[in-house]
Every structure is written in structure tokens, then in C-alpha cells.
Amino acid sequence: MTDTPAYTPPKVWEWKKPSGGAFANINRPIAGATHEKELPVGRHPLQLYSLATPNGQKVTIILEELLALGHKGAEYDAWLVRIHDGEQFGSGFVGVNPNSKIPALLDRSGPNPIRVFESGAILTYLAEKFGAFLPTEPAARAECLSWLFWQMGSAPYLGGGFGHFYQYAPVKIEYAIDRFAMEVKRQMDVLDRQLAGNEYVAGKDYTIADIAIFPWYGGMAKGLRYNAGEFLSVHEYKNVARWADMLSQRPAVKRGNMVNRMQGEPSSQLHERHEASDFETKTQDKVAKAG
């Protein structure tokens, strides 16, 4: 593993050049829109603007789970946001999420549209709106929300920390990879110990805590994040693997993982979702055959 020369930070940092790496073309130290572009709006109450990253999958999974429970008000249009092309910096998207990150949700079911951004906030909003996947008993609710916020606080070390330096950074920095690998393994151990005595993360019931944690840490347990399964010895976390296998078999989870997906087998990619029938007619393999 190569390392970089010693670096002495300047007295005042200045943005002089792109940072390098896979996302250099969209990284910048300022916020706000870079161009004018209105967002499309479909006919359903909920308008989702997203991409099937782990954070995006959280929202499509809960929406598909709500629909599976019979909540017709959870019907949604899922519009693809190509973050590598900077579409999250369009004026319409920034109007829904001033932080320019996916996912962003616009609830148009009432007289005035409600914007919701940050994936944890969206999960909580939808769970409360439909009365599902968030316990109402105080102790159970506190446990669920504690694990939800655990994920929100922990995943940046997994993604922007370990994932960036292990897979995306233009140079391999031993200190950075070691530092974040240690933290990711600690997090996996925290989760594995919790799941040793619980069927689901927050207890006996499936909640938004599971929905939030699964795309990140379930993916790690199955060796799907950053091609780092062997490097991090994820086979050690048997309770996380058991839980991840169980959730991955849920039909709504399977559907949610497909929406706004642009990688993998064409049959697993549904770039945009506007009707339930799209899963049968508009996955990329069927689009290719129709073309």
C-alpha cells in the first residue's frame, strides 16, 4: 500500500484545484444552484428525486413497504437524479433540498407542498404520516429512533470515510484506510452484538431503523459495499448476515432496491418508477428488448 508525502496545511485553506477521485467534478466548497432547471412532477401525491445509493434506497424501500401494507397514499413518482452529472445542483432540486444531496421528497398531497430532505427525516416523516414502521410506545419508539440516528451518524465513516479512501481516492493513504477500516469494523461489531439478541435492530418488530441500516450495513455484510468484504472480514459478523439475508428476501425491499438504480444487471435496474407495473414492463432489460 503506497502512502503520500508529509503534508503541512497552509495557514488559510483555499480551493485551488479539484480534489481528484471519482467525484472531483462535483465537489466544491460552496452551496447553491449552478444552473436553472425545473423538476418534473408526476401525478402521484409523493414526488421523489433520487438515485439508488444506500441513502436513496432507504426511501424507495419504505415507500414500497407502505404500498405493500395497502397505504394507497404512498403512491409515488421516483425521478432519477444523475449526481455524477451535477443534476442535484439544478435550481429546482436545490429548492427541495438546499443541501444538494439525494434523496429529496416533495409531498403534494395537501394544499401546500411539503419538502423533506435528509433520508432519516424522510423515513420519520413517512412513518409518522402513515402510522407504520415507527413504534408509538415510548420505550420502543426511543429505541427505534436511537438506532435510526446511530445509522445517520455512523454511515459517513463508512461511506465518505472508508469507502472514499479505500475505493475512490486518487491515492491510497495507509493512515486514512486503517483509521476508517477500524471504525467500520467497530460499527459492524456494535450492530452484530445488538442483533445477537434481537430479530430486528430495534427489537422484535421491523422498523425504520432496519430500513435505514440495511442498505449500508446489510450491503457490507453481503460484501456488496466497496468490494471490501474480504478486506474487512465481514464473514465474522454472522448476526448481521442473518438479518441482512432476512431483509433481502422481503418483496418490498427487492423492489425498493431496483428503483433509480443505474448499476448491476439490467433486470435489476428501474431507472424511474411511476406505476407499480413499471417493475414488470420498464426494467432496463425489458427496455432494451423493446428497443
C-alpha atoms as a PDB file:
ATOM      1  CA  MET A   1       0.000   0.000   0.000  1.00  0.00           C
ATOM      2  CA  THR A   2       1.526   3.331  -1.029  1.00  0.00           C
ATOM      3  CA  ASP A   3       1.457   6.412   1.150  1.00  0.00           C
ATOM      4  CA  THR A   4       1.603  10.143   0.396  1.00  0.00           C
ATOM      5  CA  PRO A   5       4.419  12.521   1.372  1.00  0.00           C
ATOM      6  CA  ALA A   6       4.028  14.524   4.563  1.00  0.00           C
ATOM      7  CA  TYR A   7       1.638  17.431   4.169  1.00  0.00           C
ATOM      8  CA  THR A   8       1.760  20.688   6.070  1.00  0.00           C
ATOM      9  CA  PRO A   9      -1.591  22.532   5.942  1.00  0.00           C
ATOM     10  CA  PRO A  10      -1.367  26.199   4.947  1.00  0.00           C
ATOM     11  CA  LYS A  11      -2.429  28.890   7.400  1.00  0.00           C
ATOM     12  CA  VAL A  12      -5.578  29.535   5.337  1.00  0.00           C
ATOM     13  CA  TRP A  13      -7.057  26.844   3.083  1.00  0.00           C
ATOM     14  CA  GLU A  14      -8.007  27.850  -0.469  1.00  0.00           C
ATOM     15  CA  TRP A  15      -9.808  25.902  -3.168  1.00  0.00           C
ATOM     16  CA  LYS A  16      -7.241  25.985  -5.959  1.00  0.00           C
ATOM     17  CA  LYS A  17      -7.843  22.738  -7.817  1.00  0.00           C
ATOM     18  CA  PRO A  18     -10.208  19.742  -7.941  1.00  0.00           C
ATOM     19  CA  SER A  19      -9.624  17.257  -5.165  1.00  0.00           C
ATOM     20  CA  GLY A  20      -9.255  14.294  -7.505  1.00  0.00           C
ATOM     21  CA  GLY A  21     -11.005  10.960  -7.235  1.00  0.00           C
ATOM     22  CA  ALA A  22     -14.302   9.686  -8.552  1.00  0.00           C
ATOM     23  CA  PHE A  23     -16.384  12.695  -7.505  1.00  0.00           C
ATOM     24  CA  ALA A  24     -13.930  15.528  -8.223  1.00  0.00           C
ATOM     25  CA  ASN A  25     -16.128  17.045 -10.909  1.00  0.00           C
ATOM     26  CA  ILE A  26     -18.999  17.730  -8.497  1.00  0.00           C
ATOM     27  CA  ASN A  27     -17.135  18.582  -5.285  1.00  0.00           C
ATOM     28  CA  ARG A  28     -16.956  22.269  -4.384  1.00  0.00           C
ATOM     29  CA  PRO A  29     -16.779  24.310  -1.178  1.00  0.00           C
ATOM     30  CA  ILE A  30     -19.933  26.360  -1.814  1.00  0.00           C
ATOM     31  CA  ALA A  31     -23.659  25.615  -1.888  1.00  0.00           C
ATOM     32  CA  GLY A  32     -26.497  26.765  -4.123  1.00  0.00           C
ATOM     33  CA  ALA A  33     -27.641  26.105  -7.665  1.00  0.00           C
ATOM     34  CA  THR A  34     -25.261  26.066 -10.612  1.00  0.00           C
ATOM     35  CA  HIS A  35     -27.948  26.184 -13.283  1.00  0.00           C
ATOM     36  CA  GLU A  36     -31.659  26.702 -13.804  1.00  0.00           C
ATOM     37  CA  LYS A  37     -33.684  23.526 -14.143  1.00  0.00           C
ATOM     38  CA  GLU A  38     -37.221  22.812 -13.008  1.00  0.00           C
ATOM     39  CA  LEU A  39     -38.046  19.449 -11.504  1.00  0.00           C
ATOM     40  CA  PRO A  40     -40.525  17.151 -13.250  1.00  0.00           C
ATOM     41  CA  VAL A  41     -43.773  16.434 -11.437  1.00  0.00           C
ATOM     42  CA  GLY A  42     -45.854  13.305 -11.866  1.00  0.00           C
ATOM     43  CA  ARG A  43     -49.428  12.575 -10.893  1.00  0.00           C
ATOM     44  CA  HIS A  44     -48.916  10.871  -7.525  1.00  0.00           C
ATOM     45  CA  PRO A  45     -49.016  12.548  -4.104  1.00  0.00           C
ATOM     46  CA  LEU A  46     -45.332  11.891  -3.411  1.00  0.00           C
ATOM     47  CA  GLN A  47     -42.555  13.043  -5.708  1.00  0.00           C
ATOM     48  CA  LEU A  48     -39.142  11.531  -5.061  1.00  0.00           C
ATOM     49  CA  TYR A  49     -35.943  12.829  -6.644  1.00  0.00           C
ATOM     50  CA  SER A  50     -33.190  10.336  -6.040  1.00  0.00           C
ATOM     51  CA  LEU A  51     -30.616   7.748  -7.067  1.00  0.00           C
ATOM     52  CA  ALA A  52     -30.192   4.195  -5.771  1.00  0.00           C
ATOM     53  CA  THR A  53     -27.310   4.880  -3.443  1.00  0.00           C
ATOM     54  CA  PRO A  54     -27.805   3.432   0.055  1.00  0.00           C
ATOM     55  CA  ASN A  55     -29.422   6.679   1.179  1.00  0.00           C
ATOM     56  CA  GLY A  56     -31.746   6.699  -1.807  1.00  0.00           C
ATOM     57  CA  GLN A  57     -32.697   3.049  -1.317  1.00  0.00           C
ATOM     58  CA  LYS A  58     -33.930   3.759   2.208  1.00  0.00           C
ATOM     59  CA  VAL A  59     -36.764   5.876   0.833  1.00  0.00           C
ATOM     60  CA  THR A  60     -37.822   3.640  -2.043  1.00  0.00           C
ATOM     61  CA  ILE A  61     -37.832   0.670   0.337  1.00  0.00           C
ATOM     62  CA  ILE A  62     -40.159   2.348   2.848  1.00  0.00           C
ATOM     63  CA  LEU A  63     -42.446   3.546   0.061  1.00  0.00           C
ATOM     64  CA  GLU A  64     -42.707   0.042  -1.362  1.00  0.00           C
ATOM     65  CA  GLU A  65     -43.274  -1.353   2.150  1.00  0.00           C
ATOM     66  CA  LEU A  66     -46.070   1.167   2.759  1.00  0.00           C
ATOM     67  CA  LEU A  67     -47.716   0.260  -0.534  1.00  0.00           C
ATOM     68  CA  ALA A  68     -47.427  -3.425   0.380  1.00  0.00           C
ATOM     69  CA  LEU A  69     -49.379  -2.629   3.571  1.00  0.00           C
ATOM     70  CA  GLY A  70     -52.148  -1.089   1.484  1.00  0.00           C
ATOM     71  CA  HIS A  71     -51.388   2.608   2.010  1.00  0.00           C
ATOM     72  CA  LYS A  72     -52.552   3.946  -1.355  1.00  0.00           C
ATOM     73  CA  GLY A  73     -51.496   7.457  -0.364  1.00  0.00           C
ATOM     74  CA  ALA A  74     -47.895   6.282  -0.555  1.00  0.00           C
ATOM     75  CA  GLU A  75     -48.018   6.033  -4.351  1.00  0.00           C
ATOM     76  CA  TYR A  76     -45.068   7.908  -5.737  1.00  0.00           C
ATOM     77  CA  ASP A  77     -43.140   9.033  -8.771  1.00  0.00           C
ATOM     78  CA  ALA A  78     -39.399   8.360  -8.490  1.00  0.00           C
ATOM     79  CA  TRP A  79     -37.359  10.622 -10.732  1.00  0.00           C
ATOM     80  CA  LEU A  80     -33.728   9.809 -11.477  1.00  0.00           C
ATOM     81  CA  VAL A  81     -31.117  12.360 -10.373  1.00  0.00           C
ATOM     82  CA  ARG A  82     -27.744  11.743 -12.022  1.00  0.00           C
ATOM     83  CA  ILE A  83     -25.422  13.077  -9.348  1.00  0.00           C
ATOM     84  CA  HIS A  84     -22.263  12.470 -11.386  1.00  0.00           C
ATOM     85  CA  ASP A  85     -23.681  14.929 -13.926  1.00  0.00           C
ATOM     86  CA  GLY A  86     -24.423  17.520 -11.244  1.00  0.00           C
ATOM     87  CA  GLU A  87     -28.213  17.373 -11.616  1.00  0.00           C
ATOM     88  CA  GLN A  88     -28.541  17.881  -7.844  1.00  0.00           C
ATOM     89  CA  PHE A  89     -27.316  21.435  -8.356  1.00  0.00           C
ATOM     90  CA  GLY A  90     -30.249  22.437 -10.554  1.00  0.00           C
ATOM     91  CA  SER A  91     -32.410  25.237  -9.162  1.00  0.00           C
ATOM     92  CA  GLY A  92     -35.468  23.010  -8.791  1.00  0.00           C
ATOM     93  CA  PHE A  93     -33.620  20.366  -6.817  1.00  0.00           C
ATOM     94  CA  VAL A  94     -31.920  22.945  -4.596  1.00  0.00           C
ATOM     95  CA  GLY A  95     -35.384  24.327  -3.885  1.00  0.00           C
ATOM     96  CA  VAL A  96     -36.394  20.959  -2.419  1.00  0.00           C
ATOM     97  CA  ASN A  97     -33.041  20.216  -0.796  1.00  0.00           C
ATOM     98  CA  PRO A  98     -30.744  23.199  -0.212  1.00  0.00           C
ATOM     99  CA  ASN A  99     -28.014  20.711   0.732  1.00  0.00           C
ATOM    100  CA  SER A 100     -27.970  19.322  -2.851  1.00  0.00           C
ATOM    101  CA  LYS A 101     -27.925  15.674  -1.779  1.00  0.00           C
ATOM    102  CA  ILE A 102     -30.232  12.837  -2.742  1.00  0.00           C
ATOM    103  CA  PRO A 103     -32.847  11.812  -1.762  1.00  0.00           C
ATOM    104  CA  ALA A 104     -35.314  14.690  -1.728  1.00  0.00           C
ATOM    105  CA  LEU A 105     -39.073  14.287  -1.302  1.00  0.00           C
ATOM    106  CA  LEU A 106     -41.946  16.608  -2.151  1.00  0.00           C
ATOM    107  CA  ASP A 107     -45.299  15.735  -0.584  1.00  0.00           C
ATOM    108  CA  ARG A 108     -48.054  17.273  -2.726  1.00  0.00           C
ATOM    109  CA  SER A 109     -50.952  15.522  -1.002  1.00  0.00           C
ATOM    110  CA  GLY A 110     -52.063  18.655   0.876  1.00  0.00           C
ATOM    111  CA  PRO A 111     -52.953  22.211  -0.155  1.00  0.00           C
ATOM    112  CA  ASN A 112     -49.312  23.283   0.058  1.00  0.00           C
ATOM    113  CA  PRO A 113     -46.374  21.089  -0.968  1.00  0.00           C
ATOM    114  CA  ILE A 114     -44.103  19.965   1.862  1.00  0.00           C
ATOM    115  CA  ARG A 115     -40.419  19.404   1.187  1.00  0.00           C
ATOM    116  CA  VAL A 116     -38.484  16.819   3.168  1.00  0.00           C
ATOM    117  CA  PHE A 117     -34.765  16.216   2.828  1.00  0.00           C
ATOM    118  CA  GLU A 118     -32.193  14.041   4.597  1.00  0.00           C
ATOM    119  CA  SER A 119     -33.016  10.345   4.392  1.00  0.00           C
ATOM    120  CA  GLY A 120     -33.592   9.900   8.129  1.00  0.00           C
ATOM    121  CA  ALA A 121     -36.026  12.804   8.161  1.00  0.00           C
ATOM    122  CA  ILE A 122     -37.865  11.338   5.163  1.00  0.00           C
ATOM    123  CA  LEU A 123     -38.165   7.936   6.860  1.00  0.00           C
ATOM    124  CA  THR A 124     -39.525   9.528  10.028  1.00  0.00           C
ATOM    125  CA  TYR A 125     -41.923  11.770   8.094  1.00  0.00           C
ATOM    126  CA  LEU A 126     -43.373   8.878   6.106  1.00  0.00           C
ATOM    127  CA  ALA A 127     -43.580   6.570   9.135  1.00  0.00           C
ATOM    128  CA  GLU A 128     -45.498   9.221  11.071  1.00  0.00           C
ATOM    129  CA  LYS A 129     -47.671  10.182   8.108  1.00  0.00           C
ATOM    130  CA  PHE A 130     -48.862   6.615   7.577  1.00  0.00           C
ATOM    131  CA  GLY A 131     -48.545   5.267  11.113  1.00  0.00           C
ATOM    132  CA  ALA A 132     -46.223   2.411  10.211  1.00  0.00           C
ATOM    133  CA  PHE A 133     -42.705   1.165  10.998  1.00  0.00           C
ATOM    134  CA  LEU A 134     -42.257   3.540  13.957  1.00  0.00           C
ATOM    135  CA  PRO A 135     -43.477   2.318  17.371  1.00  0.00           C
ATOM    136  CA  THR A 136     -45.728   4.566  19.418  1.00  0.00           C
ATOM    137  CA  GLU A 137     -44.938   3.072  22.838  1.00  0.00           C
ATOM    138  CA  PRO A 138     -42.333   5.466  24.314  1.00  0.00           C
ATOM    139  CA  ALA A 139     -39.553   2.976  25.095  1.00  0.00           C
ATOM    140  CA  ALA A 140     -39.864   1.174  21.759  1.00  0.00           C
ATOM    141  CA  ARG A 141     -40.034   4.486  19.882  1.00  0.00           C
ATOM    142  CA  ALA A 142     -36.899   5.731  21.653  1.00  0.00           C
ATOM    143  CA  GLU A 143     -35.039   2.527  20.804  1.00  0.00           C
ATOM    144  CA  CYS A 144     -36.056   2.758  17.145  1.00  0.00           C
ATOM    145  CA  LEU A 145     -35.079   6.420  16.819  1.00  0.00           C
ATOM    146  CA  SER A 146     -31.804   5.816  18.655  1.00  0.00           C
ATOM    147  CA  TRP A 147     -30.789   3.220  16.062  1.00  0.00           C
ATOM    148  CA  LEU A 148     -32.014   5.433  13.222  1.00  0.00           C
ATOM    149  CA  PHE A 149     -29.769   8.239  14.437  1.00  0.00           C
ATOM    150  CA  TRP A 150     -26.955   5.741  15.029  1.00  0.00           C
ATOM    151  CA  GLN A 151     -27.058   4.997  11.326  1.00  0.00           C
ATOM    152  CA  MET A 152     -27.185   8.652  10.336  1.00  0.00           C
ATOM    153  CA  GLY A 153     -24.167   9.420  12.490  1.00  0.00           C
ATOM    154  CA  SER A 154     -22.192   6.269  11.679  1.00  0.00           C
ATOM    155  CA  ALA A 155     -22.579   5.841   7.920  1.00  0.00           C
ATOM    156  CA  PRO A 156     -20.421   8.854   6.948  1.00  0.00           C
ATOM    157  CA  TYR A 157     -17.459   6.991   8.440  1.00  0.00           C
ATOM    158  CA  LEU A 158     -18.377   4.012   6.279  1.00  0.00           C
ATOM    159  CA  GLY A 159     -19.075   5.918   3.069  1.00  0.00           C
ATOM    160  CA  GLY A 160     -17.234   9.229   2.951  1.00  0.00           C
ATOM    161  CA  GLY A 161     -14.548   7.819   5.207  1.00  0.00           C
ATOM    162  CA  PHE A 162     -13.685   4.189   4.481  1.00  0.00           C
ATOM    163  CA  GLY A 163     -15.397   3.937   1.097  1.00  0.00           C
ATOM    164  CA  HIS A 164     -13.760   7.079  -0.232  1.00  0.00           C
ATOM    165  CA  PHE A 165     -10.213   6.312   0.848  1.00  0.00           C
ATOM    166  CA  TYR A 166     -10.387   2.572   0.090  1.00  0.00           C
ATOM    167  CA  GLN A 167     -12.067   2.751  -3.331  1.00  0.00           C
ATOM    168  CA  TYR A 168     -12.443   6.274  -4.709  1.00  0.00           C
ATOM    169  CA  ALA A 169      -9.453   8.357  -3.589  1.00  0.00           C
ATOM    170  CA  PRO A 170      -6.834   9.039  -6.286  1.00  0.00           C
ATOM    171  CA  VAL A 171      -4.067   7.746  -3.964  1.00  0.00           C
ATOM    172  CA  LYS A 172      -4.116   5.096  -1.239  1.00  0.00           C
ATOM    173  CA  ILE A 173      -3.302   6.596   2.152  1.00  0.00           C
ATOM    174  CA  GLU A 174      -2.476   3.913   4.692  1.00  0.00           C
ATOM    175  CA  TYR A 175      -3.309   6.007   7.739  1.00  0.00           C
ATOM    176  CA  ALA A 176      -6.733   7.010   6.395  1.00  0.00           C
ATOM    177  CA  ILE A 177      -7.684   3.484   5.306  1.00  0.00           C
ATOM    178  CA  ASP A 178      -6.542   1.971   8.600  1.00  0.00           C
ATOM    179  CA  ARG A 179      -8.360   4.618  10.620  1.00  0.00           C
ATOM    180  CA  PHE A 180     -11.687   4.174   8.876  1.00  0.00           C
ATOM    181  CA  ALA A 181     -11.407   0.383   8.498  1.00  0.00           C
ATOM    182  CA  MET A 182     -11.042   0.181  12.280  1.00  0.00           C
ATOM    183  CA  GLU A 183     -14.137   2.329  12.776  1.00  0.00           C
ATOM    184  CA  VAL A 184     -16.244   0.388  10.264  1.00  0.00           C
ATOM    185  CA  LYS A 185     -15.337  -2.894  11.957  1.00  0.00           C
ATOM    186  CA  ARG A 186     -16.256  -1.384  15.321  1.00  0.00           C
ATOM    187  CA  GLN A 187     -19.636  -0.322  13.909  1.00  0.00           C
ATOM    188  CA  MET A 188     -20.251  -3.768  12.443  1.00  0.00           C
ATOM    189  CA  ASP A 189     -19.462  -5.252  15.855  1.00  0.00           C
ATOM    190  CA  VAL A 190     -21.915  -2.865  17.547  1.00  0.00           C
ATOM    191  CA  LEU A 191     -24.638  -3.993  15.144  1.00  0.00           C
ATOM    192  CA  ASP A 192     -23.709  -7.671  15.366  1.00  0.00           C
ATOM    193  CA  ARG A 193     -23.947  -7.616  19.167  1.00  0.00           C
ATOM    194  CA  GLN A 194     -27.341  -5.897  19.009  1.00  0.00           C
ATOM    195  CA  LEU A 195     -28.676  -8.448  16.542  1.00  0.00           C
ATOM    196  CA  ALA A 196     -27.394 -11.359  18.627  1.00  0.00           C
ATOM    197  CA  GLY A 197     -30.380 -10.948  20.917  1.00  0.00           C
ATOM    198  CA  ASN A 198     -32.926  -9.327  18.602  1.00  0.00           C
ATOM    199  CA  GLU A 199     -34.658 -10.417  15.427  1.00  0.00           C
ATOM    200  CA  TYR A 200     -34.616  -6.860  14.118  1.00  0.00           C
ATOM    201  CA  VAL A 201     -32.334  -3.977  15.017  1.00  0.00           C
ATOM    202  CA  ALA A 202     -34.665  -2.236  17.483  1.00  0.00           C
ATOM    203  CA  GLY A 203     -36.268  -5.393  18.858  1.00  0.00           C
ATOM    204  CA  LYS A 204     -38.940  -7.795  17.722  1.00  0.00           C
ATOM    205  CA  ASP A 205     -40.504  -5.558  15.066  1.00  0.00           C
ATOM    206  CA  TYR A 206     -39.344  -4.384  11.652  1.00  0.00           C
ATOM    207  CA  THR A 207     -38.965  -0.594  11.763  1.00  0.00           C
ATOM    208  CA  ILE A 208     -37.426   2.389  10.012  1.00  0.00           C
ATOM    209  CA  ALA A 209     -34.236   1.539  11.919  1.00  0.00           C
ATOM    210  CA  ASP A 210     -33.909  -1.623   9.813  1.00  0.00           C
ATOM    211  CA  ILE A 211     -34.827   0.241   6.643  1.00  0.00           C
ATOM    212  CA  ALA A 212     -32.166   2.866   7.303  1.00  0.00           C
ATOM    213  CA  ILE A 213     -29.385   0.498   8.323  1.00  0.00           C
ATOM    214  CA  PHE A 214     -29.920  -2.285   5.779  1.00  0.00           C
ATOM    215  CA  PRO A 215     -28.689  -0.560   2.576  1.00  0.00           C
ATOM    216  CA  TRP A 216     -25.425   0.442   4.261  1.00  0.00           C
ATOM    217  CA  TYR A 217     -24.550  -2.318   6.713  1.00  0.00           C
ATOM    218  CA  GLY A 218     -26.554  -5.117   5.150  1.00  0.00           C
ATOM    219  CA  GLY A 219     -24.639  -4.360   1.976  1.00  0.00           C
ATOM    220  CA  MET A 220     -21.366  -4.559   3.879  1.00  0.00           C
ATOM    221  CA  ALA A 221     -22.333  -7.890   5.446  1.00  0.00           C
ATOM    222  CA  LYS A 222     -23.086  -9.308   1.997  1.00  0.00           C
ATOM    223  CA  GLY A 223     -19.801  -7.990   0.584  1.00  0.00           C
ATOM    224  CA  LEU A 224     -21.513  -5.526  -1.755  1.00  0.00           C
ATOM    225  CA  ARG A 225     -20.016  -2.246  -0.498  1.00  0.00           C
ATOM    226  CA  TYR A 226     -16.722  -1.084  -2.000  1.00  0.00           C
ATOM    227  CA  ASN A 227     -15.573  -4.654  -2.855  1.00  0.00           C
ATOM    228  CA  ALA A 228     -14.216  -4.762   0.682  1.00  0.00           C
ATOM    229  CA  GLY A 229     -15.815  -7.900   2.088  1.00  0.00           C
ATOM    230  CA  GLU A 230     -12.585  -9.877   2.290  1.00  0.00           C
ATOM    231  CA  PHE A 231     -10.532  -6.876   3.384  1.00  0.00           C
ATOM    232  CA  LEU A 232     -12.843  -6.244   6.360  1.00  0.00           C
ATOM    233  CA  SER A 233     -13.533  -9.939   7.087  1.00  0.00           C
ATOM    234  CA  VAL A 234     -17.271  -9.322   7.022  1.00  0.00           C
ATOM    235  CA  HIS A 235     -17.909 -13.066   7.412  1.00  0.00           C
ATOM    236  CA  GLU A 236     -17.207 -12.535  11.117  1.00  0.00           C
ATOM    237  CA  TYR A 237     -20.496 -10.694  11.614  1.00  0.00           C
ATOM    238  CA  LYS A 238     -22.852 -13.647  11.459  1.00  0.00           C
ATOM    239  CA  ASN A 239     -25.806 -11.935  13.151  1.00  0.00           C
ATOM    240  CA  VAL A 240     -25.670  -9.038  10.715  1.00  0.00           C
ATOM    241  CA  ALA A 241     -25.526 -11.544   7.851  1.00  0.00           C
ATOM    242  CA  ARG A 242     -28.577 -13.411   9.184  1.00  0.00           C
ATOM    243  CA  TRP A 243     -30.528 -10.164   9.459  1.00  0.00           C
ATOM    244  CA  ALA A 244     -29.388  -8.914   6.039  1.00  0.00           C
ATOM    245  CA  ASP A 245     -30.397 -12.191   4.377  1.00  0.00           C
ATOM    246  CA  MET A 246     -33.828 -11.986   6.016  1.00  0.00           C
ATOM    247  CA  LEU A 247     -34.464  -8.418   4.880  1.00  0.00           C
ATOM    248  CA  SER A 248     -33.162  -9.008   1.372  1.00  0.00           C
ATOM    249  CA  GLN A 249     -35.933 -11.580   0.834  1.00  0.00           C
ATOM    250  CA  ARG A 250     -38.731  -9.097   1.525  1.00  0.00           C
ATOM    251  CA  PRO A 251     -40.538  -8.341  -1.764  1.00  0.00           C
ATOM    252  CA  ALA A 252     -40.780  -4.622  -0.975  1.00  0.00           C
ATOM    253  CA  VAL A 253     -37.061  -4.467  -0.253  1.00  0.00           C
ATOM    254  CA  LYS A 254     -36.321  -6.153  -3.576  1.00  0.00           C
ATOM    255  CA  ARG A 255     -38.491  -3.610  -5.394  1.00  0.00           C
ATOM    256  CA  GLY A 256     -37.095  -0.668  -3.459  1.00  0.00           C
ATOM    257  CA  ASN A 257     -33.543  -1.682  -4.323  1.00  0.00           C
ATOM    258  CA  MET A 258     -34.386  -1.538  -8.030  1.00  0.00           C
ATOM    259  CA  VAL A 259     -35.822   1.972  -8.191  1.00  0.00           C
ATOM    260  CA  ASN A 260     -33.488   4.675  -9.590  1.00  0.00           C
ATOM    261  CA  ARG A 261     -30.794   2.018  -9.941  1.00  0.00           C
ATOM    262  CA  MET A 262     -28.191   2.516 -12.680  1.00  0.00           C
ATOM    263  CA  GLN A 263     -25.752  -0.300 -11.912  1.00  0.00           C
ATOM    264  CA  GLY A 264     -25.811  -4.068 -11.934  1.00  0.00           C
ATOM    265  CA  GLU A 265     -27.821  -6.452 -14.057  1.00  0.00           C
ATOM    266  CA  PRO A 266     -30.266  -4.684 -16.411  1.00  0.00           C
ATOM    267  CA  SER A 267     -33.104  -6.716 -14.872  1.00  0.00           C
ATOM    268  CA  SER A 268     -32.329  -5.079 -11.513  1.00  0.00           C
ATOM    269  CA  GLN A 269     -32.500  -1.522 -12.847  1.00  0.00           C
ATOM    270  CA  LEU A 270     -35.682   0.528 -12.895  1.00  0.00           C
ATOM    271  CA  HIS A 271     -34.388   3.995 -13.688  1.00  0.00           C
ATOM    272  CA  GLU A 272     -37.682   5.731 -12.931  1.00  0.00           C
ATOM    273  CA  ARG A 273     -40.778   4.443 -11.218  1.00  0.00           C
ATOM    274  CA  HIS A 274     -44.199   5.959 -11.876  1.00  0.00           C
ATOM    275  CA  GLU A 275     -46.525   2.959 -11.600  1.00  0.00           C
ATOM    276  CA  ALA A 276     -46.334  -0.380  -9.819  1.00  0.00           C
ATOM    277  CA  SER A 277     -46.475  -2.045 -13.231  1.00  0.00           C
ATOM    278  CA  ASP A 278     -43.148  -0.443 -14.155  1.00  0.00           C
ATOM    279  CA  PHE A 279     -41.384  -3.281 -12.334  1.00  0.00           C
ATOM    280  CA  GLU A 280     -42.797  -5.655 -14.934  1.00  0.00           C
ATOM    281  CA  THR A 281     -42.534  -3.513 -18.044  1.00  0.00           C
ATOM    282  CA  LYS A 282     -39.788  -0.897 -17.699  1.00  0.00           C
ATOM    283  CA  THR A 283     -36.718  -2.505 -16.151  1.00  0.00           C
ATOM    284  CA  GLN A 284     -33.677  -1.930 -18.312  1.00  0.00           C
ATOM    285  CA  ASP A 285     -33.597  -5.439 -19.748  1.00  0.00           C
ATOM    286  CA  LYS A 286     -37.187  -5.049 -20.962  1.00  0.00           C
ATOM    287  CA  VAL A 287     -36.482  -1.549 -22.283  1.00  0.00           C
ATOM    288  CA  ALA A 288     -33.546  -2.948 -24.269  1.00  0.00           C
ATOM    289  CA  LYS A 289     -35.659  -5.777 -25.710  1.00  0.00           C
ATOM    290  CA  ALA A 290     -38.448  -3.371 -26.627  1.00  0.00           C
ATOM    291  CA  GLY A 291     -35.948  -1.102 -28.389  1.00  0.00           C
END
